């Protein structure tokens, strides 16, 4: 859906992906103070032809970069909580 956008799970070397108003607003929804007017011009995939970047940049796909196993919460060197899978 987002194609080339900063918050997608792919890192492209040598290419600056746009920071869409949708991603900026998501941070606002989580309680961060944002300036949505600073969003890059962006259109959802399918509304304009996708740029051809094949062969231009190396792509690191992070879509399966998931931590499996329990999450251990540490505070000042002490384990205070373990969150199971």
Protein backbone atom coordinates (compact mmCIF):
# COMPACT_ATOMS: atom_id res chain seq x y z
CA UNK A 1 0.00 0.00 0.00
CA UNK A 2 2.71 2.51 0.91
CA UNK A 3 5.40 1.48 -1.56
CA UNK A 4 8.29 3.88 -1.10
CA UNK A 5 7.67 5.53 2.26
CA UNK A 6 9.88 5.96 5.30
CA UNK A 7 7.82 3.75 7.63
CA UNK A 8 7.77 0.70 5.36
CA UNK A 9 9.90 -2.33 6.30
CA UNK A 10 12.58 -1.73 3.66
CA UNK A 11 15.73 0.36 3.77
CA UNK A 12 17.07 1.55 0.43
CA UNK A 13 20.64 2.77 0.23
CA UNK A 14 21.07 6.10 -1.50
CA UNK A 15 17.35 6.92 -1.59
CA UNK A 16 15.49 9.24 0.76
CA UNK A 17 12.00 7.83 1.18
CA UNK A 18 9.23 10.36 1.83
CA UNK A 19 7.81 10.87 5.32
CA UNK A 20 4.04 10.87 4.72
CA UNK A 21 1.41 12.74 6.74
CA UNK A 22 -0.09 9.31 7.56
CA UNK A 23 3.11 8.18 9.31
CA UNK A 24 3.56 11.53 11.07
CA UNK A 25 -0.04 11.40 12.32
CA UNK A 26 0.52 7.85 13.60
CA UNK A 27 3.17 9.26 15.95
CA UNK A 28 0.68 11.92 17.08
CA UNK A 29 -1.82 9.12 17.82
CA UNK A 30 0.82 7.56 20.10
CA UNK A 31 1.14 10.81 22.06
CA UNK A 32 4.14 12.44 20.36
CA UNK A 33 4.07 16.13 19.52
CA UNK A 34 4.37 16.40 15.73
CA UNK A 35 4.32 19.04 13.01
CA UNK A 36 2.25 17.41 10.28
CA UNK A 37 2.83 20.36 7.96
CA UNK A 38 6.39 19.10 7.49
CA UNK A 39 5.22 15.92 5.73
CA UNK A 40 6.68 15.19 2.32
CA UNK A 41 4.44 15.22 -0.73
CA UNK A 42 3.17 11.64 -1.02
CA UNK A 43 0.51 9.60 -2.80
CA UNK A 44 -0.58 6.07 -1.96
CA UNK A 45 0.70 3.30 -4.20
CA UNK A 46 -1.58 2.77 -7.17
CA UNK A 47 -2.52 6.44 -7.56
CA UNK A 48 0.65 7.27 -9.52
CA UNK A 49 3.15 5.07 -11.37
CA UNK A 50 5.66 3.52 -8.97
CA UNK A 51 9.20 4.83 -9.40
CA UNK A 52 11.64 2.38 -10.96
CA UNK A 53 14.42 1.87 -8.42
CA UNK A 54 15.53 -1.61 -9.49
CA UNK A 55 19.27 -1.58 -9.96
CA UNK A 56 19.54 1.92 -8.46
CA UNK A 57 19.65 1.05 -4.78
CA UNK A 58 20.37 -1.91 -2.56
CA UNK A 59 17.28 -2.86 -0.57
CA UNK A 60 17.35 -4.33 2.94
CA UNK A 61 13.97 -6.00 3.57
CA UNK A 62 13.03 -5.93 7.26
CA UNK A 63 9.48 -7.27 6.90
CA UNK A 64 10.36 -10.50 8.75
CA UNK A 65 12.51 -8.81 11.39
CA UNK A 66 10.49 -10.03 14.36
CA UNK A 67 11.79 -10.81 17.83
CA UNK A 68 10.52 -14.23 18.89
CA UNK A 69 10.49 -15.24 22.50
CA UNK A 70 9.69 -13.44 25.73
CA UNK A 71 10.35 -9.73 26.23
CA UNK A 72 12.33 -9.05 29.38
CA UNK A 73 11.76 -5.62 30.98
CA UNK A 74 14.82 -4.43 32.90
CA UNK A 75 14.87 -1.40 35.22
CA UNK A 76 18.16 -0.28 36.75
CA UNK A 77 19.70 -3.68 36.15
CA UNK A 78 16.82 -5.68 37.65
CA UNK A 79 14.32 -7.78 35.73
CA UNK A 80 10.94 -6.29 36.64
CA UNK A 81 8.70 -8.14 34.20
CA UNK A 82 8.75 -10.91 31.63
CA UNK A 83 6.18 -10.69 28.84
CA UNK A 84 5.62 -14.10 27.21
CA UNK A 85 5.15 -14.56 23.45
